[in-house]
Amino acid sequence: MKKHTNSIVKFLAFAFALTTAFFFSTAQAADGLKLMTYNVRHGSGLDNKTDYARTCGVINGEAPDVIALQEIDCKTKRSDGADVLEEFSKLTGMHPTFGASIDFQGGQYGNGVLSKEKPISVNCCPLPGSEEKRSVLIVEFEKYVFCSTHWSLTEKDRDASVAVVTEKMKEQKKPVFLCGDFNAQLKENSMKTLQKDWTLLNAEDAAFPADKPKILIDYICAADPAGNISNDDWKASVKEAYVVDEKVASDHRPVVVVIDDALLQ
């Protein structure tokens, strides 16, 4: 009886997430492009329960146009062989793009992007990582390039990562958004160096740990390799910037920015 009840609960959670995804799939950020970054801890919350419907409920509730995801499992033992990003795609109705950083427990582990728009091209570039290999996932869309990344716990690696992502940005011909868990606070050298070429768009509110946020290490940044969009232009384009009040679904809270998409015309 208990097993049967659990099946019903899982089905209802799945159905709710699908309904939410359908409702929000037509929602657009008001006169803007809604960007989001979220370290999802492979779908496992602070209660140590893996619940993809719960995680996707958070995403659907915000209805971003594109979201950078970190700590994504793909067919690992820890996630019972599930392709987690594909599961997220089913529950959100968004296009999934995965970039592996490491081989892990019979599968892979890395970064992801979910988007309403279908990508034009995809590239996954390795980043320095002493304790664990890192990467940046670079996804091209019609009017912009969107990157999801998760940086090293080692300061030296983070400093080196700035040079890599900035060089990759300069190779692009469209405005670029760099989003993710940088494992660095604004006062650190890597973030100071990064902001010489990138504009920080998100609010400076703490987003980690999720239950009692004390620090900010998750960011949404922008740059224009063509030089047509200035730092002031980027700042002026921000219509909304906030941290989502979600305490349990992951150990990080999602970070959201809405920009005036007229900037990308």
Foldseek 3Di string as FASTA:
>chain_A
DVVVVVVVVLVVLLVVLQVLLVVLLPPADVLWAKEKEEAQLQQAWPVRDRDLSVVLNQVSVVSGQKYKYFFHWALAVVVVGHRSQVVSCNSNVWDKDDDFQDQHRNTGTAMIMTHSADFPDWDWAWFDEDPGTWIKIWTHDDQEIEIHTAFYCDLVRLQRRLVVVLVVQLVDQHKYKYWYQSNDACVHPSNVVNCVAKAWAADQDFWAQLQDGDTDRTTIIIHHSVPPADNVNSNVFWPDWDWDNDRIRYRTTMTMTIGNCVVRD
